[in-house]
Structure formats: structure tokens, C-alpha cells
Amino acid sequence: MKTLSVRAAELGLTEDELAFYDAVAANPSALHMGEDVLQQIARHLYRLVSEDVTVDWRIKEQARDRIRAKVQFLLNYYGYPPDKAPDAIDRVLKQTEVKAEEWA
């Protein structure tokens, strides 16, 4: 089994970006978008959430709603399968919670 750093390097992503790649690539119909598009989405998601996450973001529902709206917009922008977007947004928010603890 490949380590996170090896998988990330193979995809040209950081380990943080890989977490978001895995969140959006978990949907089989999203794989039809292509690896390059999913990589772009992962990079955008990482930038989006890392800029918007504060230490107490998990406590404030307003901050979570703002991130949710930005993620929804980004997925729509890239043409992510709309029927699977709610699941992807939930996975991205869960990854954000994990990463927020590391970034804090």
C-alpha cells in the first residue's frame, strides 16, 4: 500500500491537497471528470478552506455555512456531478475539520 506522501507526489499534490482530492474522488461518477480536473478542484479546495478556517470555525455555524457555500460554488464551477455534490461537500467539511486541528 502506498503512503500518503507517495500518492500525493504521484498526483502532483501536497498531502493536504490529497485529503481534498480523496474527498471529491470518492464519487465514482466524478472520476469521469478526469484526474486533472479533480487535482485542480483539490488545489482550489485546499486554498479555499485553509484561508477561511479559523481556530474556532467549528464552533461557529456561520463560518461552516460560508465554507459550505464556497465549496458548493467551486464544485458547480468545475461541473462536479450535481447529484453527488451534497455528499462531496460533507466529505470536504469532514476533511476540513481534521485539517483545521492540524493547522490550528
Protein backbone atom coordinates (compact mmCIF):
# COMPACT_ATOMS: atom_id res chain seq x y z
CA MET A 1 0.00 0.00 0.00
CA LYS A 2 1.31 3.43 -0.94
CA THR A 3 1.94 6.04 1.71
CA LEU A 4 0.14 9.38 1.63
CA SER A 5 3.28 11.20 0.58
CA VAL A 6 3.87 8.78 -2.32
CA ARG A 7 0.25 9.07 -3.51
CA ALA A 8 0.38 12.85 -3.19
CA ALA A 9 3.63 13.05 -5.14
CA GLU A 10 2.27 10.80 -7.90
CA LEU A 11 -0.71 13.15 -8.30
CA GLY A 12 1.40 16.31 -8.03
CA LEU A 13 -0.40 17.35 -4.83
CA THR A 14 0.58 18.12 -1.26
CA GLU A 15 -0.67 15.75 1.44
CA ASP A 16 -3.21 18.39 2.48
CA GLU A 17 -4.46 18.71 -1.11
CA LEU A 18 -4.61 14.91 -1.36
CA ALA A 19 -7.13 14.82 1.50
CA PHE A 20 -9.48 17.02 -0.53
CA TYR A 21 -8.75 15.08 -3.73
CA ASP A 22 -9.84 11.90 -1.96
CA ALA A 23 -12.99 13.66 -0.72
CA VAL A 24 -14.12 14.60 -4.23
CA ALA A 25 -12.76 11.49 -5.99
CA ALA A 26 -14.73 9.19 -3.66
CA ASN A 27 -17.69 9.61 -6.02
CA PRO A 28 -17.27 7.16 -8.94
CA SER A 29 -19.14 9.43 -11.36
CA ALA A 30 -16.72 12.26 -10.53
CA LEU A 31 -13.85 10.13 -11.79
CA HIS A 32 -15.22 10.68 -15.30
CA MET A 33 -14.25 14.33 -14.93
CA GLY A 34 -10.61 13.25 -15.20
CA GLU A 35 -7.69 13.27 -12.84
CA ASP A 36 -6.50 16.72 -13.95
CA VAL A 37 -9.84 18.36 -13.11
CA LEU A 38 -10.04 16.58 -9.76
CA GLN A 39 -6.50 17.76 -8.98
CA GLN A 40 -7.50 21.35 -9.80
CA ILE A 41 -10.56 21.03 -7.58
CA ALA A 42 -8.41 19.65 -4.74
CA ARG A 43 -5.93 22.54 -5.03
CA HIS A 44 -8.76 25.09 -5.05
CA LEU A 45 -10.49 23.43 -2.11
CA TYR A 46 -7.28 23.43 -0.09
CA ARG A 47 -6.71 27.14 -0.75
CA LEU A 48 -10.34 27.97 -0.10
CA VAL A 49 -10.65 26.23 3.25
CA SER A 50 -7.14 26.94 4.55
CA GLU A 51 -7.71 30.67 4.03
CA ASP A 52 -11.15 30.57 5.65
CA VAL A 53 -10.56 28.30 8.62
CA THR A 54 -10.03 29.91 11.99
CA VAL A 55 -9.30 28.21 15.27
CA ASP A 56 -12.94 28.44 16.34
CA TRP A 57 -14.53 27.84 12.94
CA ARG A 58 -16.08 24.54 14.05
CA ILE A 59 -17.98 26.33 16.80
CA LYS A 60 -19.45 28.99 14.55
CA GLU A 61 -22.17 27.66 12.30
CA GLN A 62 -21.93 30.83 10.22
CA ALA A 63 -18.31 30.04 9.30
CA ARG A 64 -19.25 26.46 8.36
CA ASP A 65 -22.11 27.76 6.22
CA ARG A 66 -19.74 30.18 4.47
CA ILE A 67 -17.29 27.36 3.69
CA ARG A 68 -20.15 25.11 2.56
CA ALA A 69 -21.37 27.80 0.14
CA LYS A 70 -17.87 28.33 -1.27
CA VAL A 71 -17.36 24.59 -1.74
CA GLN A 72 -20.74 24.30 -3.48
CA PHE A 73 -19.83 27.17 -5.80
CA LEU A 74 -16.45 25.63 -6.59
CA LEU A 75 -17.93 22.21 -7.37
CA ASN A 76 -20.57 23.82 -9.59
CA TYR A 77 -17.87 25.82 -11.36
CA TYR A 78 -15.99 22.65 -12.27
CA GLY A 79 -19.14 20.79 -13.28
CA TYR A 80 -18.99 18.27 -10.45
CA PRO A 81 -21.90 15.81 -10.76
CA PRO A 82 -24.75 17.71 -9.04
CA ASP A 83 -26.44 14.57 -7.74
CA LYS A 84 -23.28 13.73 -5.79
CA ALA A 85 -22.30 17.25 -4.69
CA PRO A 86 -24.02 17.12 -1.25
CA ASP A 87 -22.02 14.01 -0.32
CA ALA A 88 -18.81 15.59 -1.61
CA ILE A 89 -19.48 18.77 0.37
CA ASP A 90 -19.98 16.72 3.54
CA ARG A 91 -16.71 14.86 2.90
CA VAL A 92 -14.88 18.15 2.28
CA LEU A 93 -16.26 19.61 5.53
CA LYS A 94 -15.14 16.49 7.42
CA GLN A 95 -11.66 16.81 5.90
CA THR A 96 -11.69 20.49 6.84
CA GLU A 97 -12.43 19.58 10.46
CA VAL A 98 -9.46 17.19 10.51
CA LYS A 99 -7.15 19.68 8.80
CA ALA A 100 -8.30 22.59 10.97
CA GLU A 101 -6.93 20.81 14.03
CA GLU A 102 -3.58 20.34 12.27
CA TRP A 103 -3.49 23.95 11.05
CA ALA A 104 -4.50 25.44 14.42
